[in-house]
Structures are given as structure tokens and as C-alpha cells.
Amino acid sequence: MAIVSLIEPSPLGLYCPLGDFYIDPWRAVGRAVVTHAHADHARAGSQHYWAAMDGERLLRHRLGQDISLTPLAYGEPVQFGPVTVSLHPAGHVLGSAQVRVSDGDRVWVVSGDYKRDPDPTCQPFEPIVCDTFITEATFALPAYRWPPMEEVMAELMAWWQANAQAGRSSMLLCYALGKAQRVLASLPSALPGPVYLHGAVAPLTALYREAGIAMAPATPVSQAPKGEDFSASLIIAPPSAAGTAWMRHFADPSTAFASGWMRIRGNRRRRGHDRGFVISDHVDWPTLLQTIEQTGATQVYTTHGRADELVRYLREQGLNAAPFVTPYGEVDE
């Protein structure tokens, strides 16, 4: 009798045949286990969702307050027929999870998006021993190595301080869910000026505060005092705000982009920003390899950007590795 794979790619998403459910499906399905609330992993329309309890507010905000959703504590098992599923911290954003799937003989883990760097806004990544590991590969090249967050924040504060002294506002472009809140949580108590938030960032930040995440005070731009010139302010906005009419609120802003892509020389210049700060909510190259080793997996499947390069490297190390083709991947990471 043929052995049924625990998880396999399908036109609807990563599918578990034995349990009849999907993980982060990219189309509407009957049963969806969701790793986190980013738009490329959480899609509307499924009949029922399972997700980590910490991310429930974010998922309802993104998919609708009335979705049918079962929130799970980290490590809490749930049965899908003969298959046991549990969610474990991924360290990516608030409520992000890895999915552990077991039929009693085999253990597979789907990482979702993850990082290993300290982050006060979410639970730290938990390595899980497994037979097969499905890992993201967003930054799976040796050039991608993250500096300590403390160093990057010191650079960001120096940039903001210099702009404030010159009478310019500081516009930090970063992803609205996860990255923006991580920056807010990493700011020191003494700031050069007030912090303002784009309309896409403000409600997500409010949900983080409701979850008990401590962050620097910040005000939506729409609630700024009348006549505010923003000259000493830090404004946090999504990358999609660049070049829009909304930017006219601010006179001569200095713009910066916070992303793992800023690790490569020339990316900042091509995007047309004054500064680039290397802040990523994904795993870098050395910790990606460390994580794969810690799982003990002998079979590795990859998703996201640099999947082919990672597969080639892992095969050279003697592992059974192959790519899964998926639409996952945040272009503004």
C-alpha cells in the first residue's frame, strides 16, 4: 500500500490528506489552519479557521469579525481524524505559529514565517524535533545576516535626531503588521519628538496594545493637532504610502525603509530612500541553517523566495530537500 504524504502541495494550498485540512490555503477551503495574519498566509472565505490564540484579534481584523475561528493555545493538541495538530511559536509577529502535524508514526512541521531574533512583541521561536520540516526561504542566501536590533535602533535614533535638529520629519516605511510594532516596542523612553502612525498602521498597533504589548506612545496622523508641522516627528507608514498624496502632509520628510532587503548594497538607492535599516521579521541565513539542524529533520521542503538556492545547499549537506511552489512572500518585507 502506498504511503500517504502527511502534507502535500495542491491547487488550494498545503494539504493534509489524512486530516482533510489545509495550512495557509491561498483559496477558500473547508478547514484552514493559519500560521499568522499576514495577507499571503491568511485569506478570506474558508468555512472554518484554526489559529493561535495570540493572533485571534489580528485575524478577525483582517478576515472579518464574524469568521468561524477556533483559537488554540500554543501546544494545545487538536484532532483531525487520525492526525494530531498543535501550534507552536514562530517568533514572526504576534500570534504567529508553526504547525506540528503527526499521525503517530511521523512528525511534520510547517514553519510558516519565522525568525530567531529577540522581539518583545511576540513569543520566541520554539525549535521542534521532526522528521520533515517545511521551512520558509525568504532570505536564504549567505549575504543575509542580521545585525543586532540594538545597533540598528541606535542608527535609527541618530537619523531621527539629526532630522529633528534640521527641522525635518522622519518617515519610516515598514510593514504595517509586525515590523511597525516591533520598532515601536524597541524605541527608548527619551525621544526627539512625537510618533505618528499612518491609517494602515494605527488599528493594528491598537490591537497589539490590547494584547498587552508595551510600545512607545504614538498617535494616528489623522488625530494630529491642527497645524502640526511634524518637523521633529517620526512617522511610521507602510511602503505603499510612498509617493501618494498622503505624503503631502509632511514638508520635506527624510524617508527610510526598514527591511531585510536593506542588507544588500544598492536596494535602498533603487527604492529612492534616504536611509535603509536592516530590520527583518524573517530568519537570516545562519539561523535558518541552525534551525534546520535543530529540528533533526532528514527531509526538508522549502517555500518562499530563495527556495532553489537553499535546496541546492541542503542537498550538498546530504539532506533530502525539495521546493514547494507557493505564493507566500511579503514583497515589502
C-alpha atoms as a PDB file:
ATOM      1  CA  MET A   1       0.000   0.000   0.000  1.00  0.00           C
ATOM      2  CA  ALA A   2       1.332   3.446  -0.948  1.00  0.00           C
ATOM      3  CA  ILE A   3       2.375   5.703   1.918  1.00  0.00           C
ATOM      4  CA  VAL A   4       0.261   8.871   2.014  1.00  0.00           C
ATOM      5  CA  SER A   5       2.265  12.051   2.493  1.00  0.00           C
ATOM      6  CA  LEU A   6       1.319  13.990   5.633  1.00  0.00           C
ATOM      7  CA  ILE A   7       1.403  17.306   3.766  1.00  0.00           C
ATOM      8  CA  GLU A   8       1.476  17.954   0.049  1.00  0.00           C
ATOM      9  CA  PRO A   9       1.094  20.988  -2.226  1.00  0.00           C
ATOM     10  CA  SER A  10      -2.236  21.331  -4.005  1.00  0.00           C
ATOM     11  CA  PRO A  11      -4.001  23.981  -6.134  1.00  0.00           C
ATOM     12  CA  LEU A  12      -5.661  25.269  -2.948  1.00  0.00           C
ATOM     13  CA  GLY A  13      -2.673  25.233  -0.599  1.00  0.00           C
ATOM     14  CA  LEU A  14      -0.608  22.908   1.569  1.00  0.00           C
ATOM     15  CA  TYR A  15      -2.934  19.960   2.157  1.00  0.00           C
ATOM     16  CA  CYS A  16      -3.027  17.175   4.747  1.00  0.00           C
ATOM     17  CA  PRO A  17      -4.862  14.243   3.058  1.00  0.00           C
ATOM     18  CA  LEU A  18      -5.211  12.150   6.240  1.00  0.00           C
ATOM     19  CA  GLY A  19      -6.716  15.032   8.215  1.00  0.00           C
ATOM     20  CA  ASP A  20      -8.501  16.733   5.308  1.00  0.00           C
ATOM     21  CA  PHE A  21      -7.353  20.265   6.148  1.00  0.00           C
ATOM     22  CA  TYR A  22      -5.165  22.943   4.605  1.00  0.00           C
ATOM     23  CA  ILE A  23      -2.382  25.048   6.084  1.00  0.00           C
ATOM     24  CA  ASP A  24      -2.398  28.710   4.994  1.00  0.00           C
ATOM     25  CA  PRO A  25      -4.577  27.965   1.938  1.00  0.00           C
ATOM     26  CA  TRP A  26      -4.401  30.543  -0.830  1.00  0.00           C
ATOM     27  CA  ARG A  27      -8.021  29.906  -1.793  1.00  0.00           C
ATOM     28  CA  ALA A  28     -11.188  29.325   0.226  1.00  0.00           C
ATOM     29  CA  VAL A  29     -11.409  25.802   1.712  1.00  0.00           C
ATOM     30  CA  GLY A  30     -13.491  23.949   4.277  1.00  0.00           C
ATOM     31  CA  ARG A  31     -10.867  23.726   7.040  1.00  0.00           C
ATOM     32  CA  ALA A  32      -7.923  26.118   7.259  1.00  0.00           C
ATOM     33  CA  VAL A  33      -5.108  26.074   9.818  1.00  0.00           C
ATOM     34  CA  VAL A  34      -3.498  29.522   9.635  1.00  0.00           C
ATOM     35  CA  THR A  35       0.023  30.352  10.799  1.00  0.00           C
ATOM     36  CA  HIS A  36      -0.421  34.137  11.107  1.00  0.00           C
ATOM     37  CA  ALA A  37      -2.374  37.162   9.928  1.00  0.00           C
ATOM     38  CA  HIS A  38      -0.212  38.419   7.039  1.00  0.00           C
ATOM     39  CA  ALA A  39      -2.250  38.640   3.848  1.00  0.00           C
ATOM     40  CA  ASP A  40      -0.260  35.999   1.949  1.00  0.00           C
ATOM     41  CA  HIS A  41      -0.997  33.420   4.656  1.00  0.00           C
ATOM     42  CA  ALA A  42      -4.481  34.385   5.898  1.00  0.00           C
ATOM     43  CA  ARG A  43      -7.103  34.516   3.137  1.00  0.00           C
ATOM     44  CA  ALA A  44     -10.805  35.152   3.492  1.00  0.00           C
ATOM     45  CA  GLY A  45     -13.624  32.797   2.539  1.00  0.00           C
ATOM     46  CA  SER A  46     -12.836  29.498   4.275  1.00  0.00           C
ATOM     47  CA  GLN A  47     -15.609  27.804   6.247  1.00  0.00           C
ATOM     48  CA  HIS A  48     -13.600  27.428   9.461  1.00  0.00           C
ATOM     49  CA  TYR A  49     -10.190  28.517  10.753  1.00  0.00           C
ATOM     50  CA  TRP A  50      -7.825  27.301  13.464  1.00  0.00           C
ATOM     51  CA  ALA A  51      -5.074  29.671  14.632  1.00  0.00           C
ATOM     52  CA  ALA A  52      -3.009  30.621  17.658  1.00  0.00           C
ATOM     53  CA  MET A  53      -4.969  32.380  20.384  1.00  0.00           C
ATOM     54  CA  ASP A  54      -2.499  35.288  20.485  1.00  0.00           C
ATOM     55  CA  GLY A  55      -3.328  36.155  16.884  1.00  0.00           C
ATOM     56  CA  GLU A  56      -7.129  35.928  17.088  1.00  0.00           C
ATOM     57  CA  ARG A  57      -7.737  39.692  17.174  1.00  0.00           C
ATOM     58  CA  LEU A  58      -5.461  40.250  14.185  1.00  0.00           C
ATOM     59  CA  LEU A  59      -7.122  37.508  12.129  1.00  0.00           C
ATOM     60  CA  ARG A  60     -10.599  38.809  12.838  1.00  0.00           C
ATOM     61  CA  HIS A  61      -9.439  42.318  11.917  1.00  0.00           C
ATOM     62  CA  ARG A  62      -8.034  41.052   8.626  1.00  0.00           C
ATOM     63  CA  LEU A  63     -10.670  38.438   7.682  1.00  0.00           C
ATOM     64  CA  GLY A  64     -13.824  39.685   9.404  1.00  0.00           C
ATOM     65  CA  GLN A  65     -15.088  39.712  12.965  1.00  0.00           C
ATOM     66  CA  ASP A  66     -17.682  37.031  12.217  1.00  0.00           C
ATOM     67  CA  ILE A  67     -15.389  34.346  10.771  1.00  0.00           C
ATOM     68  CA  SER A  68     -15.739  30.854  12.243  1.00  0.00           C
ATOM     69  CA  LEU A  69     -12.493  30.516  14.201  1.00  0.00           C
ATOM     70  CA  THR A  70     -11.157  28.145  16.844  1.00  0.00           C
ATOM     71  CA  PRO A  71      -8.285  29.810  18.778  1.00  0.00           C
ATOM     72  CA  LEU A  72      -5.675  27.403  20.148  1.00  0.00           C
ATOM     73  CA  ALA A  73      -3.154  27.901  22.925  1.00  0.00           C
ATOM     74  CA  TYR A  74       0.413  27.133  21.913  1.00  0.00           C
ATOM     75  CA  GLY A  75       0.982  23.399  22.310  1.00  0.00           C
ATOM     76  CA  GLU A  76      -2.733  22.561  22.582  1.00  0.00           C
ATOM     77  CA  PRO A  77      -3.499  19.442  20.504  1.00  0.00           C
ATOM     78  CA  VAL A  78      -6.489  19.150  18.168  1.00  0.00           C
ATOM     79  CA  GLN A  79      -7.543  16.042  16.232  1.00  0.00           C
ATOM     80  CA  PHE A  80      -8.274  15.924  12.534  1.00  0.00           C
ATOM     81  CA  GLY A  81      -9.225  12.262  12.124  1.00  0.00           C
ATOM     82  CA  PRO A  82      -6.053  10.187  12.719  1.00  0.00           C
ATOM     83  CA  VAL A  83      -3.862  13.302  12.688  1.00  0.00           C
ATOM     84  CA  THR A  84      -2.889  15.386  15.728  1.00  0.00           C
ATOM     85  CA  VAL A  85      -2.138  19.065  15.130  1.00  0.00           C
ATOM     86  CA  SER A  86      -0.628  21.597  17.506  1.00  0.00           C
ATOM     87  CA  LEU A  87       0.625  25.165  17.081  1.00  0.00           C
ATOM     88  CA  HIS A  88       3.973  26.407  18.383  1.00  0.00           C
ATOM     89  CA  PRO A  89       5.565  29.882  18.495  1.00  0.00           C
ATOM     90  CA  ALA A  90       7.239  31.068  15.289  1.00  0.00           C
ATOM     91  CA  GLY A  91       8.629  34.406  16.535  1.00  0.00           C
ATOM     92  CA  HIS A  92       7.489  36.197  13.368  1.00  0.00           C
ATOM     93  CA  VAL A  93       4.689  38.512  14.538  1.00  0.00           C
ATOM     94  CA  LEU A  94       2.087  38.476  17.320  1.00  0.00           C
ATOM     95  CA  GLY A  95       0.249  35.156  17.200  1.00  0.00           C
ATOM     96  CA  SER A  96       2.493  33.582  14.571  1.00  0.00           C
ATOM     97  CA  ALA A  97       2.774  29.810  14.739  1.00  0.00           C
ATOM     98  CA  GLN A  98       4.430  26.742  13.355  1.00  0.00           C
ATOM     99  CA  VAL A  99       2.122  23.811  12.656  1.00  0.00           C
ATOM    100  CA  ARG A 100       3.128  20.396  14.027  1.00  0.00           C
ATOM    101  CA  VAL A 101       1.349  17.514  12.304  1.00  0.00           C
ATOM    102  CA  SER A 102       1.645  13.887  13.451  1.00  0.00           C
ATOM    103  CA  ASP A 103      -0.082  10.609  12.597  1.00  0.00           C
ATOM    104  CA  GLY A 104       1.606   8.791  15.499  1.00  0.00           C
ATOM    105  CA  ASP A 105       4.468   7.480  13.369  1.00  0.00           C
ATOM    106  CA  ARG A 106       5.649  10.610  11.602  1.00  0.00           C
ATOM    107  CA  VAL A 107       6.047  14.254  12.612  1.00  0.00           C
ATOM    108  CA  TRP A 108       5.967  17.054  10.051  1.00  0.00           C
ATOM    109  CA  VAL A 109       6.335  20.746  10.887  1.00  0.00           C
ATOM    110  CA  VAL A 110       5.287  23.686   8.720  1.00  0.00           C
ATOM    111  CA  SER A 111       7.245  26.710   9.899  1.00  0.00           C
ATOM    112  CA  GLY A 112       5.139  29.467   8.356  1.00  0.00           C
ATOM    113  CA  ASP A 113       7.217  32.655   8.515  1.00  0.00           C
ATOM    114  CA  TYR A 114       9.653  32.759  11.422  1.00  0.00           C
ATOM    115  CA  LYS A 115      12.649  34.499  12.962  1.00  0.00           C
ATOM    116  CA  ARG A 116      15.006  33.746  15.822  1.00  0.00           C
ATOM    117  CA  ASP A 117      15.994  37.292  16.865  1.00  0.00           C
ATOM    118  CA  PRO A 118      14.568  38.634  20.163  1.00  0.00           C
ATOM    119  CA  ASP A 119      11.298  40.523  19.696  1.00  0.00           C
ATOM    120  CA  PRO A 120       9.263  41.940  22.619  1.00  0.00           C
ATOM    121  CA  THR A 121       6.043  41.855  20.574  1.00  0.00           C
ATOM    122  CA  CYS A 122       5.650  38.067  20.182  1.00  0.00           C
ATOM    123  CA  GLN A 123       6.538  34.708  21.668  1.00  0.00           C
ATOM    124  CA  PRO A 124      10.050  33.472  20.724  1.00  0.00           C
ATOM    125  CA  PHE A 125      10.519  30.727  18.146  1.00  0.00           C
ATOM    126  CA  GLU A 126      10.389  27.175  19.527  1.00  0.00           C
ATOM    127  CA  PRO A 127      12.502  24.547  17.709  1.00  0.00           C
ATOM    128  CA  ILE A 128      10.503  21.352  17.180  1.00  0.00           C
ATOM    129  CA  VAL A 129      12.091  17.957  16.525  1.00  0.00           C
ATOM    130  CA  CYS A 130      10.519  16.402  13.439  1.00  0.00           C
ATOM    131  CA  ASP A 131      11.065  14.044  10.520  1.00  0.00           C
ATOM    132  CA  THR A 132      10.115  16.562   7.841  1.00  0.00           C
ATOM    133  CA  PHE A 133      10.461  20.345   8.081  1.00  0.00           C
ATOM    134  CA  ILE A 134       8.755  22.735   5.672  1.00  0.00           C
ATOM    135  CA  THR A 135      10.695  25.972   6.013  1.00  0.00           C
ATOM    136  CA  GLU A 136      10.446  29.434   4.556  1.00  0.00           C
ATOM    137  CA  ALA A 137      13.420  30.617   2.473  1.00  0.00           C
ATOM    138  CA  THR A 138      12.769  34.359   2.093  1.00  0.00           C
ATOM    139  CA  PHE A 139      16.375  35.345   2.801  1.00  0.00           C
ATOM    140  CA  ALA A 140      18.121  32.040   2.101  1.00  0.00           C
ATOM    141  CA  LEU A 141      21.423  33.423   0.841  1.00  0.00           C
ATOM    142  CA  PRO A 142      24.684  33.788   2.829  1.00  0.00           C
ATOM    143  CA  ALA A 143      24.629  37.582   2.333  1.00  0.00           C
ATOM    144  CA  TYR A 144      21.606  37.920   4.589  1.00  0.00           C
ATOM    145  CA  ARG A 145      22.836  38.180   8.173  1.00  0.00           C
ATOM    146  CA  TRP A 146      21.017  40.445  10.608  1.00  0.00           C
ATOM    147  CA  PRO A 147      22.880  42.881  12.863  1.00  0.00           C
ATOM    148  CA  PRO A 148      21.719  43.120  16.493  1.00  0.00           C
ATOM    149  CA  MET A 149      18.493  45.087  16.826  1.00  0.00           C
ATOM    150  CA  GLU A 150      20.151  47.349  19.392  1.00  0.00           C
ATOM    151  CA  GLU A 151      22.691  48.521  16.796  1.00  0.00           C
ATOM    152  CA  VAL A 152      20.036  49.176  14.185  1.00  0.00           C
ATOM    153  CA  MET A 153      17.844  51.106  16.611  1.00  0.00           C
ATOM    154  CA  ALA A 154      20.832  53.247  17.625  1.00  0.00           C
ATOM    155  CA  GLU A 155      21.309  54.105  13.939  1.00  0.00           C
ATOM    156  CA  LEU A 156      17.611  54.862  13.559  1.00  0.00           C
ATOM    157  CA  MET A 157      17.600  57.144  16.605  1.00  0.00           C
ATOM    158  CA  ALA A 158      20.658  59.037  15.311  1.00  0.00           C
ATOM    159  CA  TRP A 159      18.911  59.549  11.951  1.00  0.00           C
ATOM    160  CA  TRP A 160      15.735  60.777  13.640  1.00  0.00           C
ATOM    161  CA  GLN A 161      17.683  63.101  15.966  1.00  0.00           C
ATOM    162  CA  ALA A 162      19.610  64.633  13.051  1.00  0.00           C
ATOM    163  CA  ASN A 163      16.407  65.202  11.106  1.00  0.00           C
ATOM    164  CA  ALA A 164      14.726  66.795  14.130  1.00  0.00           C
ATOM    165  CA  GLN A 165      17.637  69.193  14.586  1.00  0.00           C
ATOM    166  CA  ALA A 166      17.376  70.111  10.895  1.00  0.00           C
ATOM    167  CA  GLY A 167      13.623  70.697  11.190  1.00  0.00           C
ATOM    168  CA  ARG A 168      12.693  67.692   9.012  1.00  0.00           C
ATOM    169  CA  SER A 169      10.210  64.959   9.739  1.00  0.00           C
ATOM    170  CA  SER A 170      11.419  61.343   9.692  1.00  0.00           C
ATOM    171  CA  MET A 171       9.312  58.956   7.592  1.00  0.00           C
ATOM    172  CA  LEU A 172       9.972  55.289   8.385  1.00  0.00           C
ATOM    173  CA  LEU A 173       8.416  52.916   5.861  1.00  0.00           C
ATOM    174  CA  CYS A 174       7.894  49.360   7.091  1.00  0.00           C
ATOM    175  CA  TYR A 175       5.312  46.595   7.023  1.00  0.00           C
ATOM    176  CA  ALA A 176       2.144  47.610   8.897  1.00  0.00           C
ATOM    177  CA  LEU A 177       1.719  44.322  10.783  1.00  0.00           C
ATOM    178  CA  GLY A 178       4.628  43.177  12.918  1.00  0.00           C
ATOM    179  CA  LYS A 179       7.501  45.377  11.771  1.00  0.00           C
ATOM    180  CA  ALA A 180       5.885  48.675  12.793  1.00  0.00           C
ATOM    181  CA  GLN A 181       5.004  47.364  16.253  1.00  0.00           C
ATOM    182  CA  ARG A 182       8.452  45.851  16.744  1.00  0.00           C
ATOM    183  CA  VAL A 183      10.018  49.248  16.050  1.00  0.00           C
ATOM    184  CA  LEU A 184       7.617  50.964  18.458  1.00  0.00           C
ATOM    185  CA  ALA A 185       8.412  48.410  21.162  1.00  0.00           C
ATOM    186  CA  SER A 186      12.156  48.928  20.639  1.00  0.00           C
ATOM    187  CA  LEU A 187      12.198  52.729  20.922  1.00  0.00           C
ATOM    188  CA  PRO A 188      13.875  54.179  24.047  1.00  0.00           C
ATOM    189  CA  SER A 189      11.928  56.194  26.606  1.00  0.00           C
ATOM    190  CA  ALA A 190      13.543  59.526  25.595  1.00  0.00           C
ATOM    191  CA  LEU A 191      12.546  60.513  22.058  1.00  0.00           C
ATOM    192  CA  PRO A 192      13.426  63.537  19.869  1.00  0.00           C
ATOM    193  CA  GLY A 193       9.754  64.189  19.173  1.00  0.00           C
ATOM    194  CA  PRO A 194       6.312  62.610  18.868  1.00  0.00           C
ATOM    195  CA  VAL A 195       5.498  59.439  16.921  1.00  0.00           C
ATOM    196  CA  TYR A 196       2.670  59.355  14.394  1.00  0.00           C
ATOM    197  CA  LEU A 197       1.103  56.425  12.564  1.00  0.00           C
ATOM    198  CA  HIS A 198      -0.349  56.005   9.092  1.00  0.00           C
ATOM    199  CA  GLY A 199      -4.001  54.906   8.988  1.00  0.00           C
ATOM    200  CA  ALA A 200      -2.983  51.372   7.964  1.00  0.00           C
ATOM    201  CA  VAL A 201      -0.635  51.038  10.959  1.00  0.00           C
ATOM    202  CA  ALA A 202      -2.750  52.605  13.721  1.00  0.00           C
ATOM    203  CA  PRO A 203      -5.517  49.968  14.117  1.00  0.00           C
ATOM    204  CA  LEU A 204      -3.048  47.079  14.081  1.00  0.00           C
ATOM    205  CA  THR A 205      -0.959  48.836  16.720  1.00  0.00           C
ATOM    206  CA  ALA A 206      -4.081  49.300  18.838  1.00  0.00           C
ATOM    207  CA  LEU A 207      -4.687  45.518  18.677  1.00  0.00           C
ATOM    208  CA  TYR A 208      -1.124  44.900  19.886  1.00  0.00           C
ATOM    209  CA  ARG A 209      -1.749  47.237  22.832  1.00  0.00           C
ATOM    210  CA  GLU A 210      -4.991  45.378  23.619  1.00  0.00           C
ATOM    211  CA  ALA A 211      -2.899  42.211  23.757  1.00  0.00           C
ATOM    212  CA  GLY A 212      -0.693  43.808  26.427  1.00  0.00           C
ATOM    213  CA  ILE A 213       2.326  44.617  24.235  1.00  0.00           C
ATOM    214  CA  ALA A 214       4.235  47.626  25.622  1.00  0.00           C
ATOM    215  CA  MET A 215       5.172  50.157  22.940  1.00  0.00           C
ATOM    216  CA  ALA A 216       6.125  53.823  22.694  1.00  0.00           C
ATOM    217  CA  PRO A 217       3.198  56.272  22.636  1.00  0.00           C
ATOM    218  CA  ALA A 218       2.015  57.004  19.099  1.00  0.00           C
ATOM    219  CA  THR A 219      -0.843  58.960  17.540  1.00  0.00           C
ATOM    220  CA  PRO A 220      -2.627  58.419  14.209  1.00  0.00           C
ATOM    221  CA  VAL A 221      -1.728  61.170  11.745  1.00  0.00           C
ATOM    222  CA  SER A 222      -5.453  61.843  11.370  1.00  0.00           C
ATOM    223  CA  GLN A 223      -5.557  62.826  15.058  1.00  0.00           C
ATOM    224  CA  ALA A 224      -2.543  65.167  14.978  1.00  0.00           C
ATOM    225  CA  PRO A 225      -3.102  68.632  16.480  1.00  0.00           C
ATOM    226  CA  LYS A 226      -4.394  71.185  13.991  1.00  0.00           C
ATOM    227  CA  GLY A 227      -1.468  72.955  12.342  1.00  0.00           C
ATOM    228  CA  GLU A 228       1.066  70.251  13.324  1.00  0.00           C
ATOM    229  CA  ASP A 229       4.134  70.625  11.094  1.00  0.00           C
ATOM    230  CA  PHE A 230       5.621  67.210  12.025  1.00  0.00           C
ATOM    231  CA  SER A 231       9.126  68.752  11.859  1.00  0.00           C
ATOM    232  CA  ALA A 232      10.598  66.683  14.721  1.00  0.00           C
ATOM    233  CA  SER A 233       8.290  63.710  14.363  1.00  0.00           C
ATOM    234  CA  LEU A 234       8.783  60.072  13.455  1.00  0.00           C
ATOM    235  CA  ILE A 235       6.024  58.925  11.112  1.00  0.00           C
ATOM    236  CA  ILE A 236       5.597  55.181  10.626  1.00  0.00           C
ATOM    237  CA  ALA A 237       3.862  54.173   7.410  1.00  0.00           C
ATOM    238  CA  PRO A 238       3.613  51.181   5.051  1.00  0.00           C
ATOM    239  CA  PRO A 239       5.816  51.206   1.932  1.00  0.00           C
ATOM    240  CA  SER A 240       2.699  51.640  -0.210  1.00  0.00           C
ATOM    241  CA  ALA A 241       2.330  55.180   1.193  1.00  0.00           C
ATOM    242  CA  ALA A 242       5.484  56.378  -0.597  1.00  0.00           C
ATOM    243  CA  GLY A 243       4.684  58.691  -3.491  1.00  0.00           C
ATOM    244  CA  THR A 244       0.992  59.051  -2.616  1.00  0.00           C
ATOM    245  CA  ALA A 245      -0.986  62.237  -1.948  1.00  0.00           C
ATOM    246  CA  TRP A 246      -0.883  61.366   1.773  1.00  0.00           C
ATOM    247  CA  MET A 247       2.801  62.350   1.822  1.00  0.00           C
ATOM    248  CA  ARG A 248       1.801  65.983   1.261  1.00  0.00           C
ATOM    249  CA  HIS A 249       1.004  66.225   4.970  1.00  0.00           C
ATOM    250  CA  PHE A 250       4.737  66.444   5.600  1.00  0.00           C
ATOM    251  CA  ALA A 251       7.139  69.132   4.425  1.00  0.00           C
ATOM    252  CA  ASP A 252      10.455  67.774   3.123  1.00  0.00           C
ATOM    253  CA  PRO A 253      10.456  64.441   5.011  1.00  0.00           C
ATOM    254  CA  SER A 254      13.547  62.273   5.179  1.00  0.00           C
ATOM    255  CA  THR A 255      12.448  58.763   4.205  1.00  0.00           C
ATOM    256  CA  ALA A 256      13.879  55.452   5.377  1.00  0.00           C
ATOM    257  CA  PHE A 257      12.950  51.850   4.679  1.00  0.00           C
ATOM    258  CA  ALA A 258      13.142  49.142   7.367  1.00  0.00           C
ATOM    259  CA  SER A 259      13.578  45.717   5.795  1.00  0.00           C
ATOM    260  CA  GLY A 260      15.857  42.721   5.467  1.00  0.00           C
ATOM    261  CA  TRP A 261      16.304  43.735   1.827  1.00  0.00           C
ATOM    262  CA  MET A 262      18.352  46.699   3.050  1.00  0.00           C
ATOM    263  CA  ARG A 263      21.181  44.279   3.812  1.00  0.00           C
ATOM    264  CA  ILE A 264      22.152  44.355   0.127  1.00  0.00           C
ATOM    265  CA  ARG A 265      24.002  47.426  -1.079  1.00  0.00           C
ATOM    266  CA  GLY A 266      22.012  49.281  -3.708  1.00  0.00           C
ATOM    267  CA  ASN A 267      18.495  48.266  -2.633  1.00  0.00           C
ATOM    268  CA  ARG A 268      17.944  51.499  -0.723  1.00  0.00           C
ATOM    269  CA  ARG A 269      19.135  53.563  -3.676  1.00  0.00           C
ATOM    270  CA  ARG A 270      16.913  51.691  -6.113  1.00  0.00           C
ATOM    271  CA  ARG A 271      13.895  52.328  -3.882  1.00  0.00           C
ATOM    272  CA  GLY A 272      14.765  56.021  -3.674  1.00  0.00           C
ATOM    273  CA  HIS A 273      15.012  56.390   0.126  1.00  0.00           C
ATOM    274  CA  ASP A 274      17.480  58.423   2.176  1.00  0.00           C
ATOM    275  CA  ARG A 275      18.247  55.608   4.584  1.00  0.00           C
ATOM    276  CA  GLY A 276      17.830  51.871   4.904  1.00  0.00           C
ATOM    277  CA  PHE A 277      17.639  49.984   8.212  1.00  0.00           C
ATOM    278  CA  VAL A 278      18.214  46.226   8.320  1.00  0.00           C
ATOM    279  CA  ILE A 279      15.228  45.025  10.340  1.00  0.00           C
ATOM    280  CA  SER A 280      13.614  41.758   9.301  1.00  0.00           C
ATOM    281  CA  ASP A 281      10.871  39.611  10.741  1.00  0.00           C
ATOM    282  CA  HIS A 282      12.236  36.596   8.868  1.00  0.00           C
ATOM    283  CA  VAL A 283      15.105  34.264   9.711  1.00  0.00           C
ATOM    284  CA  ASP A 284      18.525  35.087   8.261  1.00  0.00           C
ATOM    285  CA  TRP A 285      20.929  32.616   6.612  1.00  0.00           C
ATOM    286  CA  PRO A 286      22.942  31.352   9.621  1.00  0.00           C
ATOM    287  CA  THR A 287      19.918  30.928  11.884  1.00  0.00           C
ATOM    288  CA  LEU A 288      17.953  29.299   9.065  1.00  0.00           C
ATOM    289  CA  LEU A 289      20.627  26.608   8.829  1.00  0.00           C
ATOM    290  CA  GLN A 290      20.823  26.375  12.633  1.00  0.00           C
ATOM    291  CA  THR A 291      17.070  25.864  12.821  1.00  0.00           C
ATOM    292  CA  ILE A 292      17.034  23.093  10.224  1.00  0.00           C
ATOM    293  CA  GLU A 293      19.801  21.318  12.145  1.00  0.00           C
ATOM    294  CA  GLN A 294      17.945  21.684  15.452  1.00  0.00           C
ATOM    295  CA  THR A 295      14.809  20.065  14.064  1.00  0.00           C
ATOM    296  CA  GLY A 296      16.764  16.913  13.230  1.00  0.00           C
ATOM    297  CA  ALA A 297      14.715  16.613  10.042  1.00  0.00           C
ATOM    298  CA  THR A 298      16.103  14.369   7.309  1.00  0.00           C
ATOM    299  CA  GLN A 299      13.635  15.712   4.768  1.00  0.00           C
ATOM    300  CA  VAL A 300      13.245  19.449   4.120  1.00  0.00           C
ATOM    301  CA  TYR A 301      10.808  21.242   1.854  1.00  0.00           C
ATOM    302  CA  THR A 302      11.201  24.954   1.184  1.00  0.00           C
ATOM    303  CA  THR A 303       8.789  27.785   0.448  1.00  0.00           C
ATOM    304  CA  HIS A 304       9.212  31.494  -0.366  1.00  0.00           C
ATOM    305  CA  GLY A 305      11.850  33.378  -2.336  1.00  0.00           C
ATOM    306  CA  ARG A 306      15.244  31.652  -2.313  1.00  0.00           C
ATOM    307  CA  ALA A 307      13.925  28.093  -2.203  1.00  0.00           C
ATOM    308  CA  ASP A 308      16.066  26.720  -5.047  1.00  0.00           C
ATOM    309  CA  GLU A 309      19.323  28.052  -3.596  1.00  0.00           C
ATOM    310  CA  LEU A 310      18.549  26.589  -0.170  1.00  0.00           C
ATOM    311  CA  VAL A 311      17.560  23.229  -1.673  1.00  0.00           C
ATOM    312  CA  ARG A 312      20.854  23.040  -3.541  1.00  0.00           C
ATOM    313  CA  TYR A 313      22.833  23.793  -0.370  1.00  0.00           C
ATOM    314  CA  LEU A 314      20.922  21.256   1.744  1.00  0.00           C
ATOM    315  CA  ARG A 315      21.393  18.525  -0.832  1.00  0.00           C
ATOM    316  CA  GLU A 316      25.119  19.203  -0.760  1.00  0.00           C
ATOM    317  CA  GLN A 317      24.929  18.589   3.006  1.00  0.00           C
ATOM    318  CA  GLY A 318      23.305  15.210   2.430  1.00  0.00           C
ATOM    319  CA  LEU A 319      19.692  16.084   3.243  1.00  0.00           C
ATOM    320  CA  ASN A 320      16.692  15.117   1.149  1.00  0.00           C
ATOM    321  CA  ALA A 321      15.444  18.577   0.078  1.00  0.00           C
ATOM    322  CA  ALA A 322      12.982  19.919  -2.484  1.00  0.00           C
ATOM    323  CA  PRO A 323      10.986  23.124  -3.085  1.00  0.00           C
ATOM    324  CA  PHE A 324       7.245  23.549  -2.633  1.00  0.00           C
ATOM    325  CA  VAL A 325       5.884  26.159  -5.043  1.00  0.00           C
ATOM    326  CA  THR A 326       3.655  28.597  -3.121  1.00  0.00           C
ATOM    327  CA  PRO A 327       2.506  32.225  -3.471  1.00  0.00           C
ATOM    328  CA  TYR A 328       3.861  33.071   0.004  1.00  0.00           C
ATOM    329  CA  GLY A 329       6.191  36.023   0.436  1.00  0.00           C
ATOM    330  CA  GLU A 330       5.816  39.621   1.557  1.00  0.00           C
ATOM    331  CA  VAL A 331       7.140  41.917  -1.167  1.00  0.00           C
ATOM    332  CA  ASP A 332       7.500  44.766   1.346  1.00  0.00           C
ATOM    333  CA  GLU A 333       9.357  42.694   3.973  1.00  0.00           C
END
